[in-house]
Amino acid sequence: GVAYGLAWTEAGGTLLPVEALVFDGEEGLLLTGNLGDVMKESARAALSFIRSKAPDFGLKSEDFRKRTVHIHVPEGAIPKDGPSAGITLVASLVSAFTGVALEGGRAMTGEITLTGRILPIGGVKEKVLAAHRSHILTVLLPEGNRKDLDDLPAEVKDVMRFIFVSNAAEALESLFPKGSIGPNG
């Protein structure tokens, strides 16, 4: 599964592709792409959240047994850290486990908790501008960041669509084709 996150860098915002694969092998989580400690913790939290809510995604506990999960964030020479990739990690993993691709033209940012809450993040203006530069016009943001849209230039805000979410269920509903994931998907 591939999902597009948005990250803040010293040079401004950037698009952050997150790739995930699930395959037969030893149970475990592989993380590659020069990830910092906080991002590694987010990846572990994302996987734990998905395992705890497996039936909500149409998955069974057997889907996790004797399976290796590999998360890769390309451009390994560039260090990546911070909690805001949480929802991107969840989306990428759900895609990998279910075999369902995310809707195109969307990018996202938001910290995730073990219970699936989506927490506010920083650098919204820079992240949204990065999506706009990449011609991605739909951005998923934490509900707690709604006020940050006031900082965006009107010409950017006017052409973009923003989806505000408070939890992972809301986020995934807007990221995947209707009815494609879940117990009946």
N, C-alpha and C. Protein backbone atom coordinates (compact mmCIF):
# COMPACT_ATOMS: atom_id res chain seq x y z
N GLY A 1 0.82 -1.18 0.00
CA GLY A 1 0.00 0.00 0.00
C GLY A 1 0.87 1.25 0.00
N VAL A 2 0.45 2.23 -0.75
CA VAL A 2 1.17 3.50 -0.79
C VAL A 2 0.21 4.61 -0.38
N ALA A 3 0.66 5.43 0.56
CA ALA A 3 -0.10 6.59 0.99
C ALA A 3 0.83 7.79 0.98
N TYR A 4 0.26 8.98 0.75
CA TYR A 4 1.07 10.19 0.69
C TYR A 4 0.83 11.06 1.91
N GLY A 5 1.88 11.19 2.70
CA GLY A 5 1.84 12.06 3.86
C GLY A 5 2.42 13.42 3.49
N LEU A 6 2.31 14.32 4.43
CA LEU A 6 2.88 15.65 4.27
C LEU A 6 3.79 15.90 5.45
N ALA A 7 4.98 16.39 5.18
CA ALA A 7 5.97 16.58 6.22
C ALA A 7 6.49 18.00 6.20
N TRP A 8 6.96 18.44 7.35
CA TRP A 8 7.61 19.74 7.47
C TRP A 8 9.11 19.50 7.46
N THR A 9 9.82 20.30 6.67
CA THR A 9 11.29 20.25 6.67
C THR A 9 11.81 21.68 6.86
N GLU A 10 13.10 21.80 7.06
CA GLU A 10 13.69 23.14 7.21
C GLU A 10 13.51 23.96 5.93
N ALA A 11 13.35 23.29 4.80
CA ALA A 11 13.17 23.98 3.52
C ALA A 11 11.69 24.23 3.22
N GLY A 12 10.80 23.84 4.11
CA GLY A 12 9.35 23.99 3.89
C GLY A 12 8.67 22.64 3.90
N GLY A 13 7.47 22.57 3.37
CA GLY A 13 6.73 21.32 3.36
C GLY A 13 7.15 20.43 2.20
N THR A 14 6.88 19.14 2.35
CA THR A 14 7.20 18.18 1.30
C THR A 14 6.21 17.03 1.31
N LEU A 15 6.04 16.41 0.16
CA LEU A 15 5.22 15.22 0.03
C LEU A 15 6.05 14.03 0.49
N LEU A 16 5.45 13.15 1.29
CA LEU A 16 6.17 12.03 1.89
C LEU A 16 5.46 10.72 1.55
N PRO A 17 5.92 10.01 0.51
CA PRO A 17 5.29 8.73 0.22
C PRO A 17 5.67 7.70 1.28
N VAL A 18 4.69 6.91 1.70
CA VAL A 18 4.91 5.83 2.66
C VAL A 18 4.43 4.55 2.00
N GLU A 19 5.33 3.58 1.89
CA GLU A 19 5.01 2.30 1.26
C GLU A 19 4.97 1.21 2.32
N ALA A 20 4.04 0.26 2.14
CA ALA A 20 3.97 -0.89 3.06
C ALA A 20 3.74 -2.16 2.27
N LEU A 21 4.40 -3.21 2.70
CA LEU A 21 4.22 -4.56 2.14
C LEU A 21 3.95 -5.52 3.29
N VAL A 22 3.15 -6.53 3.02
CA VAL A 22 2.90 -7.59 3.98
C VAL A 22 3.14 -8.89 3.23
N PHE A 23 3.98 -9.77 3.80
CA PHE A 23 4.28 -11.02 3.11
C PHE A 23 4.56 -12.12 4.13
N ASP A 24 4.46 -13.38 3.65
CA ASP A 24 4.72 -14.52 4.52
C ASP A 24 6.16 -14.49 4.97
N GLY A 25 6.37 -14.82 6.22
CA GLY A 25 7.71 -14.81 6.78
C GLY A 25 7.61 -14.78 8.28
N GLU A 26 8.68 -14.36 8.91
CA GLU A 26 8.67 -14.24 10.36
C GLU A 26 7.76 -13.10 10.75
N GLU A 27 7.04 -13.29 11.85
CA GLU A 27 6.24 -12.16 12.34
C GLU A 27 7.19 -11.06 12.75
N GLY A 28 6.93 -9.87 12.27
CA GLY A 28 7.79 -8.77 12.64
C GLY A 28 7.53 -7.54 11.81
N LEU A 29 8.16 -6.46 12.21
CA LEU A 29 8.00 -5.18 11.56
C LEU A 29 9.37 -4.69 11.12
N LEU A 30 9.54 -4.47 9.82
CA LEU A 30 10.76 -3.90 9.27
C LEU A 30 10.49 -2.44 8.93
N LEU A 31 11.41 -1.57 9.30
CA LEU A 31 11.27 -0.14 9.02
C LEU A 31 12.52 0.34 8.31
N THR A 32 12.34 0.92 7.11
CA THR A 32 13.48 1.43 6.37
C THR A 32 13.16 2.81 5.81
N GLY A 33 14.23 3.55 5.54
CA GLY A 33 14.06 4.88 4.97
C GLY A 33 14.57 5.99 5.88
N ASN A 34 15.54 5.68 6.75
CA ASN A 34 16.15 6.68 7.63
C ASN A 34 15.11 7.35 8.53
N LEU A 35 14.34 6.51 9.24
CA LEU A 35 13.30 7.00 10.13
C LEU A 35 13.87 7.28 11.52
N GLY A 36 13.44 8.38 12.11
CA GLY A 36 13.83 8.71 13.47
C GLY A 36 13.01 7.93 14.49
N ASP A 37 13.37 8.05 15.75
CA ASP A 37 12.72 7.28 16.81
C ASP A 37 11.22 7.55 16.91
N VAL A 38 10.81 8.81 16.77
CA VAL A 38 9.39 9.14 16.91
C VAL A 38 8.58 8.52 15.77
N MET A 39 9.14 8.55 14.56
CA MET A 39 8.43 7.96 13.43
C MET A 39 8.37 6.44 13.56
N LYS A 40 9.41 5.83 14.09
CA LYS A 40 9.39 4.38 14.35
C LYS A 40 8.30 4.04 15.36
N GLU A 41 8.17 4.86 16.39
CA GLU A 41 7.11 4.66 17.38
C GLU A 41 5.74 4.80 16.73
N SER A 42 5.59 5.76 15.84
CA SER A 42 4.31 5.94 15.13
C SER A 42 3.99 4.72 14.29
N ALA A 43 4.99 4.13 13.66
CA ALA A 43 4.77 2.93 12.84
C ALA A 43 4.31 1.77 13.71
N ARG A 44 4.93 1.60 14.87
CA ARG A 44 4.52 0.52 15.78
C ARG A 44 3.11 0.77 16.30
N ALA A 45 2.80 2.02 16.62
CA ALA A 45 1.45 2.36 17.09
C ALA A 45 0.42 2.11 15.99
N ALA A 46 0.75 2.45 14.75
CA ALA A 46 -0.16 2.24 13.63
C ALA A 46 -0.46 0.75 13.45
N LEU A 47 0.56 -0.08 13.52
CA LEU A 47 0.36 -1.52 13.37
C LEU A 47 -0.46 -2.08 14.53
N SER A 48 -0.16 -1.64 15.74
CA SER A 48 -0.95 -2.10 16.90
C SER A 48 -2.40 -1.69 16.78
N PHE A 49 -2.64 -0.48 16.34
CA PHE A 49 -4.02 -0.01 16.16
C PHE A 49 -4.74 -0.90 15.15
N ILE A 50 -4.12 -1.18 14.01
CA ILE A 50 -4.75 -2.00 12.98
C ILE A 50 -5.03 -3.41 13.50
N ARG A 51 -4.07 -3.98 14.21
CA ARG A 51 -4.28 -5.33 14.77
C ARG A 51 -5.44 -5.33 15.76
N SER A 52 -5.55 -4.28 16.56
CA SER A 52 -6.61 -4.24 17.57
C SER A 52 -7.99 -4.03 16.95
N LYS A 53 -8.04 -3.47 15.76
CA LYS A 53 -9.31 -3.19 15.08
C LYS A 53 -9.47 -4.05 13.82
N ALA A 54 -8.76 -5.15 13.74
CA ALA A 54 -8.74 -5.98 12.53
C ALA A 54 -10.13 -6.26 11.96
N PRO A 55 -11.12 -6.66 12.76
CA PRO A 55 -12.45 -6.93 12.18
C PRO A 55 -13.07 -5.71 11.48
N ASP A 56 -12.75 -4.51 11.95
CA ASP A 56 -13.27 -3.30 11.32
C ASP A 56 -12.78 -3.14 9.88
N PHE A 57 -11.65 -3.79 9.56
CA PHE A 57 -11.07 -3.70 8.24
C PHE A 57 -11.32 -4.97 7.41
N GLY A 58 -12.12 -5.88 7.97
CA GLY A 58 -12.37 -7.14 7.29
C GLY A 58 -11.20 -8.11 7.41
N LEU A 59 -10.37 -7.91 8.44
CA LEU A 59 -9.21 -8.77 8.66
C LEU A 59 -9.45 -9.68 9.86
N LYS A 60 -8.71 -10.79 9.88
CA LYS A 60 -8.77 -11.75 10.98
C LYS A 60 -7.40 -11.80 11.66
N SER A 61 -7.35 -12.32 12.86
CA SER A 61 -6.06 -12.41 13.56
C SER A 61 -5.07 -13.25 12.77
N GLU A 62 -5.58 -14.24 11.98
CA GLU A 62 -4.70 -15.07 11.16
C GLU A 62 -3.96 -14.24 10.10
N ASP A 63 -4.54 -13.12 9.70
CA ASP A 63 -3.90 -12.28 8.68
C ASP A 63 -2.58 -11.69 9.16
N PHE A 64 -2.35 -11.75 10.47
CA PHE A 64 -1.13 -11.18 11.03
C PHE A 64 -0.10 -12.24 11.41
N ARG A 65 -0.54 -13.51 11.47
CA ARG A 65 0.36 -14.59 11.90
C ARG A 65 1.33 -14.96 10.80
N LYS A 66 2.58 -15.15 11.21
CA LYS A 66 3.65 -15.53 10.30
C LYS A 66 3.69 -14.63 9.07
N ARG A 67 3.53 -13.35 9.32
CA ARG A 67 3.58 -12.34 8.26
C ARG A 67 4.60 -11.28 8.66
N THR A 68 5.38 -10.86 7.73
CA THR A 68 6.31 -9.77 7.94
C THR A 68 5.67 -8.51 7.36
N VAL A 69 5.77 -7.43 8.11
CA VAL A 69 5.27 -6.14 7.67
C VAL A 69 6.49 -5.26 7.43
N HIS A 70 6.59 -4.71 6.22
CA HIS A 70 7.72 -3.84 5.89
C HIS A 70 7.18 -2.47 5.51
N ILE A 71 7.61 -1.46 6.24
CA ILE A 71 7.26 -0.07 5.93
C ILE A 71 8.53 0.62 5.45
N HIS A 72 8.39 1.29 4.30
CA HIS A 72 9.53 1.99 3.72
C HIS A 72 9.12 3.41 3.35
N VAL A 73 9.95 4.36 3.71
CA VAL A 73 9.75 5.75 3.31
C VAL A 73 10.94 6.10 2.42
N PRO A 74 10.70 6.19 1.09
CA PRO A 74 11.80 6.40 0.14
C PRO A 74 12.64 7.64 0.44
N GLU A 75 13.73 7.76 -0.30
CA GLU A 75 14.73 8.81 -0.11
C GLU A 75 15.40 8.64 1.24
N GLY A 76 16.00 7.46 1.42
CA GLY A 76 16.61 7.08 2.69
C GLY A 76 17.71 7.99 3.18
N ALA A 77 18.30 8.78 2.29
CA ALA A 77 19.37 9.68 2.71
C ALA A 77 18.83 10.88 3.48
N ILE A 78 17.51 11.11 3.39
CA ILE A 78 16.91 12.25 4.08
C ILE A 78 16.29 11.75 5.38
N PRO A 79 16.78 12.25 6.54
CA PRO A 79 16.21 11.82 7.82
C PRO A 79 14.74 12.25 7.94
N LYS A 80 13.92 11.37 8.51
CA LYS A 80 12.50 11.66 8.68
C LYS A 80 12.11 11.34 10.11
N ASP A 81 11.44 12.28 10.75
CA ASP A 81 11.00 12.04 12.11
C ASP A 81 9.80 12.91 12.43
N GLY A 82 9.14 12.57 13.50
CA GLY A 82 7.97 13.31 13.94
C GLY A 82 6.74 12.43 13.94
N PRO A 83 5.72 12.82 14.70
CA PRO A 83 4.53 11.99 14.83
C PRO A 83 3.47 12.20 13.76
N SER A 84 3.62 13.21 12.91
CA SER A 84 2.51 13.58 12.03
C SER A 84 2.26 12.60 10.89
N ALA A 85 3.11 11.59 10.72
CA ALA A 85 2.88 10.59 9.68
C ALA A 85 1.98 9.45 10.18
N GLY A 86 1.47 9.54 11.38
CA GLY A 86 0.68 8.45 11.96
C GLY A 86 -0.46 7.98 11.08
N ILE A 87 -1.31 8.89 10.62
CA ILE A 87 -2.45 8.47 9.80
C ILE A 87 -1.97 7.95 8.44
N THR A 88 -0.88 8.48 7.93
CA THR A 88 -0.33 8.00 6.66
C THR A 88 0.15 6.55 6.81
N LEU A 89 0.78 6.26 7.93
CA LEU A 89 1.23 4.90 8.21
C LEU A 89 0.04 3.95 8.32
N VAL A 90 -1.01 4.37 9.01
CA VAL A 90 -2.21 3.53 9.14
C VAL A 90 -2.80 3.26 7.76
N ALA A 91 -2.96 4.30 6.95
CA ALA A 91 -3.57 4.15 5.62
C ALA A 91 -2.74 3.21 4.75
N SER A 92 -1.43 3.36 4.77
CA SER A 92 -0.56 2.51 3.97
C SER A 92 -0.66 1.05 4.41
N LEU A 93 -0.69 0.82 5.73
CA LEU A 93 -0.80 -0.54 6.25
C LEU A 93 -2.16 -1.17 5.94
N VAL A 94 -3.23 -0.41 6.10
CA VAL A 94 -4.56 -0.94 5.78
C VAL A 94 -4.60 -1.33 4.30
N SER A 95 -4.03 -0.51 3.45
CA SER A 95 -3.98 -0.81 2.02
C SER A 95 -3.20 -2.10 1.77
N ALA A 96 -2.05 -2.25 2.43
CA ALA A 96 -1.23 -3.45 2.24
C ALA A 96 -1.95 -4.70 2.73
N PHE A 97 -2.59 -4.64 3.88
CA PHE A 97 -3.27 -5.82 4.43
C PHE A 97 -4.53 -6.18 3.65
N THR A 98 -5.25 -5.20 3.15
CA THR A 98 -6.52 -5.48 2.46
C THR A 98 -6.37 -5.64 0.96
N GLY A 99 -5.25 -5.14 0.41
CA GLY A 99 -5.06 -5.18 -1.04
C GLY A 99 -5.88 -4.13 -1.78
N VAL A 100 -6.40 -3.15 -1.06
CA VAL A 100 -7.21 -2.09 -1.66
C VAL A 100 -6.39 -0.80 -1.72
N ALA A 101 -6.30 -0.21 -2.90
CA ALA A 101 -5.55 1.04 -3.07
C ALA A 101 -6.35 2.22 -2.55
N LEU A 102 -5.66 3.22 -2.04
CA LEU A 102 -6.30 4.45 -1.60
C LEU A 102 -6.82 5.22 -2.81
N GLU A 103 -7.81 6.06 -2.58
CA GLU A 103 -8.28 6.98 -3.62
C GLU A 103 -7.10 7.85 -4.04
N GLY A 104 -7.00 8.18 -5.30
CA GLY A 104 -5.92 9.01 -5.79
C GLY A 104 -6.12 10.48 -5.43
N GLY A 105 -5.07 11.25 -5.55
CA GLY A 105 -5.16 12.69 -5.38
C GLY A 105 -5.36 13.17 -3.97
N ARG A 106 -4.95 12.36 -2.99
CA ARG A 106 -5.10 12.74 -1.59
C ARG A 106 -3.76 12.65 -0.86
N ALA A 107 -3.56 13.59 0.05
CA ALA A 107 -2.42 13.55 0.96
C ALA A 107 -2.95 13.81 2.36
N MET A 108 -2.16 13.45 3.36
CA MET A 108 -2.67 13.53 4.73
C MET A 108 -1.56 13.80 5.74
N THR A 109 -1.99 14.24 6.90
CA THR A 109 -1.09 14.42 8.02
C THR A 109 -1.91 14.35 9.30
N GLY A 110 -1.31 13.81 10.34
CA GLY A 110 -1.98 13.71 11.63
C GLY A 110 -1.36 12.63 12.48
N GLU A 111 -1.16 12.93 13.74
CA GLU A 111 -0.65 11.95 14.69
C GLU A 111 -1.79 11.01 15.08
N ILE A 112 -1.48 9.74 15.25
CA ILE A 112 -2.50 8.76 15.65
C ILE A 112 -2.15 8.22 17.03
N THR A 113 -3.21 7.94 17.81
CA THR A 113 -3.02 7.30 19.11
C THR A 113 -3.36 5.82 18.98
N LEU A 114 -3.07 5.06 20.01
CA LEU A 114 -3.39 3.63 19.99
C LEU A 114 -4.88 3.37 19.89
N THR A 115 -5.69 4.32 20.32
CA THR A 115 -7.13 4.15 20.25
C THR A 115 -7.72 4.72 18.96
N GLY A 116 -6.85 5.25 18.09
CA GLY A 116 -7.31 5.73 16.79
C GLY A 116 -7.69 7.19 16.73
N ARG A 117 -7.44 7.94 17.81
CA ARG A 117 -7.70 9.39 17.72
C ARG A 117 -6.64 10.02 16.82
N ILE A 118 -7.04 11.08 16.12
CA ILE A 118 -6.11 11.83 15.26
C ILE A 118 -5.85 13.16 15.96
N LEU A 119 -4.59 13.38 16.31
CA LEU A 119 -4.20 14.58 17.07
C LEU A 119 -3.66 15.66 16.14
N PRO A 120 -3.82 16.92 16.54
CA PRO A 120 -3.30 18.04 15.73
C PRO A 120 -1.79 17.98 15.58
N ILE A 121 -1.31 18.61 14.53
CA ILE A 121 0.11 18.62 14.20
C ILE A 121 0.53 20.06 13.87
N GLY A 122 1.81 20.27 13.69
CA GLY A 122 2.32 21.59 13.33
C GLY A 122 2.63 21.66 11.85
N GLY A 123 2.98 22.87 11.40
CA GLY A 123 3.42 23.08 10.03
C GLY A 123 2.35 22.93 8.97
N VAL A 124 1.09 23.22 9.32
CA VAL A 124 -0.01 23.01 8.37
C VAL A 124 0.18 23.82 7.10
N LYS A 125 0.52 25.09 7.23
CA LYS A 125 0.67 25.93 6.04
C LYS A 125 1.70 25.34 5.08
N GLU A 126 2.87 24.99 5.59
CA GLU A 126 3.93 24.45 4.75
C GLU A 126 3.51 23.13 4.11
N LYS A 127 2.82 22.30 4.87
CA LYS A 127 2.39 20.99 4.37
C LYS A 127 1.34 21.14 3.27
N VAL A 128 0.38 22.02 3.48
CA VAL A 128 -0.67 22.24 2.47
C VAL A 128 -0.06 22.83 1.21
N LEU A 129 0.87 23.75 1.36
CA LEU A 129 1.53 24.33 0.18
C LEU A 129 2.31 23.26 -0.59
N ALA A 130 2.89 22.30 0.12
CA ALA A 130 3.59 21.19 -0.55
C ALA A 130 2.60 20.34 -1.36
N ALA A 131 1.45 20.07 -0.80
CA ALA A 131 0.42 19.31 -1.54
C ALA A 131 0.01 20.08 -2.79
N HIS A 132 -0.23 21.37 -2.63
CA HIS A 132 -0.64 22.22 -3.75
C HIS A 132 0.41 22.21 -4.86
N ARG A 133 1.69 22.36 -4.48
CA ARG A 133 2.79 22.32 -5.46
C ARG A 133 2.84 20.99 -6.20
N SER A 134 2.43 19.91 -5.51
CA SER A 134 2.45 18.57 -6.10
C SER A 134 1.15 18.24 -6.84
N HIS A 135 0.27 19.24 -6.96
CA HIS A 135 -1.02 19.08 -7.65
C HIS A 135 -1.93 18.09 -6.95
N ILE A 136 -1.76 17.96 -5.64
CA ILE A 136 -2.69 17.16 -4.83
C ILE A 136 -3.61 18.16 -4.16
N LEU A 137 -4.87 18.10 -4.53
CA LEU A 137 -5.80 19.15 -4.11
C LEU A 137 -6.77 18.73 -3.02
N THR A 138 -6.65 17.50 -2.53
CA THR A 138 -7.45 17.05 -1.39
C THR A 138 -6.51 16.68 -0.26
N VAL A 139 -6.66 17.34 0.88
CA VAL A 139 -5.78 17.12 2.02
C VAL A 139 -6.61 16.77 3.25
N LEU A 140 -6.22 15.69 3.89
CA LEU A 140 -6.85 15.26 5.13
C LEU A 140 -6.05 15.84 6.29
N LEU A 141 -6.75 16.52 7.19
CA LEU A 141 -6.11 17.17 8.34
C LEU A 141 -6.85 16.81 9.63
N PRO A 142 -6.15 16.86 10.76
CA PRO A 142 -6.84 16.67 12.03
C PRO A 142 -7.86 17.79 12.28
N GLU A 143 -8.98 17.44 12.89
CA GLU A 143 -10.01 18.43 13.23
C GLU A 143 -9.40 19.58 14.03
N GLY A 144 -8.47 19.27 14.90
CA GLY A 144 -7.83 20.28 15.74
C GLY A 144 -6.99 21.29 14.97
N ASN A 145 -6.77 21.07 13.68
CA ASN A 145 -6.00 22.00 12.86
C ASN A 145 -6.88 22.87 11.96
N ARG A 146 -8.18 22.80 12.11
CA ARG A 146 -9.08 23.57 11.25
C ARG A 146 -8.73 25.06 11.26
N LYS A 147 -8.40 25.58 12.43
CA LYS A 147 -8.09 27.00 12.58
C LYS A 147 -6.86 27.42 11.77
N ASP A 148 -5.98 26.47 11.47
CA ASP A 148 -4.75 26.79 10.74
C ASP A 148 -4.97 27.15 9.29
N LEU A 149 -6.16 26.90 8.77
CA LEU A 149 -6.45 27.27 7.37
C LEU A 149 -6.44 28.79 7.20
N ASP A 150 -6.65 29.52 8.29
CA ASP A 150 -6.63 30.97 8.23
C ASP A 150 -5.28 31.50 7.74
N ASP A 151 -4.21 30.70 7.91
CA ASP A 151 -2.86 31.11 7.53
C ASP A 151 -2.55 30.88 6.05
N LEU A 152 -3.46 30.21 5.33
CA LEU A 152 -3.21 29.88 3.93
C LEU A 152 -3.58 31.02 3.00
N PRO A 153 -2.84 31.19 1.92
CA PRO A 153 -3.23 32.20 0.92
C PRO A 153 -4.58 31.81 0.31
N ALA A 154 -5.41 32.79 0.06
CA ALA A 154 -6.76 32.56 -0.48
C ALA A 154 -6.71 31.78 -1.80
N GLU A 155 -5.74 32.08 -2.66
CA GLU A 155 -5.67 31.40 -3.96
C GLU A 155 -5.37 29.91 -3.82
N VAL A 156 -4.74 29.51 -2.72
CA VAL A 156 -4.50 28.08 -2.46
C VAL A 156 -5.74 27.47 -1.82
N LYS A 157 -6.26 28.15 -0.82
CA LYS A 157 -7.43 27.65 -0.09
C LYS A 157 -8.64 27.45 -1.02
N ASP A 158 -8.79 28.34 -1.98
CA ASP A 158 -9.95 28.31 -2.87
C ASP A 158 -9.98 27.10 -3.81
N VAL A 159 -8.81 26.56 -4.16
CA VAL A 159 -8.78 25.45 -5.11
C VAL A 159 -8.62 24.08 -4.44
N MET A 160 -8.45 24.09 -3.12
CA MET A 160 -8.21 22.83 -2.42
C MET A 160 -9.44 22.38 -1.65
N ARG A 161 -9.49 21.08 -1.41
CA ARG A 161 -10.55 20.49 -0.59
C ARG A 161 -9.89 19.94 0.67
N PHE A 162 -10.48 20.26 1.82
CA PHE A 162 -9.93 19.81 3.09
C PHE A 162 -10.93 18.89 3.76
N ILE A 163 -10.42 17.76 4.25
CA ILE A 163 -11.23 16.80 5.00
C ILE A 163 -10.68 16.81 6.42
N PHE A 164 -11.52 17.18 7.37
CA PHE A 164 -11.10 17.24 8.77
C PHE A 164 -11.61 16.01 9.50
N VAL A 165 -10.72 15.35 10.24
CA VAL A 165 -11.08 14.11 10.92
C VAL A 165 -10.61 14.14 12.38
N SER A 166 -11.35 13.41 13.20
CA SER A 166 -11.00 13.29 14.62
C SER A 166 -10.46 11.91 14.96
N ASN A 167 -10.74 10.94 14.08
CA ASN A 167 -10.29 9.57 14.38
C ASN A 167 -9.97 8.83 13.09
N ALA A 168 -9.33 7.68 13.26
CA ALA A 168 -8.89 6.89 12.10
C ALA A 168 -10.05 6.38 11.27
N ALA A 169 -11.16 6.03 11.89
CA ALA A 169 -12.32 5.53 11.14
C ALA A 169 -12.80 6.58 10.14
N GLU A 170 -12.90 7.82 10.58
CA GLU A 170 -13.31 8.91 9.68
C GLU A 170 -12.29 9.09 8.56
N ALA A 171 -11.02 9.02 8.92
CA ALA A 171 -9.96 9.21 7.93
C ALA A 171 -10.01 8.12 6.86
N LEU A 172 -10.08 6.87 7.29
CA LEU A 172 -10.05 5.76 6.34
C LEU A 172 -11.29 5.77 5.45
N GLU A 173 -12.41 6.18 6.00
CA GLU A 173 -13.63 6.26 5.20
C GLU A 173 -13.46 7.23 4.03
N SER A 174 -12.69 8.29 4.25
CA SER A 174 -12.50 9.28 3.19
C SER A 174 -11.31 8.97 2.28
N LEU A 175 -10.48 8.02 2.68
CA LEU A 175 -9.27 7.71 1.91
C LEU A 175 -9.42 6.53 0.96
N PHE A 176 -10.38 5.64 1.26
CA PHE A 176 -10.58 4.44 0.45
C PHE A 176 -11.90 4.53 -0.30
N PRO A 177 -12.00 3.85 -1.44
CA PRO A 177 -13.29 3.84 -2.16
C PRO A 177 -14.40 3.34 -1.24
N LYS A 178 -15.57 3.92 -1.36
CA LYS A 178 -16.72 3.57 -0.50
C LYS A 178 -16.96 2.06 -0.51
N GLY A 179 -17.09 1.49 0.70
CA GLY A 179 -17.41 0.07 0.83
C GLY A 179 -16.30 -0.89 0.52
N SER A 180 -15.07 -0.39 0.29
CA SER A 180 -13.98 -1.28 -0.13
C SER A 180 -13.24 -1.93 1.02
N ILE A 181 -13.29 -1.33 2.20
CA ILE A 181 -12.64 -1.96 3.36
C ILE A 181 -13.70 -2.12 4.45
N GLY A 182 -13.46 -3.03 5.34
CA GLY A 182 -14.40 -3.28 6.42
C GLY A 182 -14.93 -4.69 6.34
N PRO A 183 -15.79 -5.04 7.28
CA PRO A 183 -16.29 -6.41 7.35
C PRO A 183 -17.03 -6.85 6.08
N ASN A 184 -17.61 -5.89 5.36
CA ASN A 184 -18.36 -6.23 4.14
C ASN A 184 -17.60 -5.84 2.88
N GLY A 185 -16.38 -5.29 3.05
CA GLY A 185 -15.62 -4.79 1.89
C GLY A 185 -14.85 -5.86 1.19
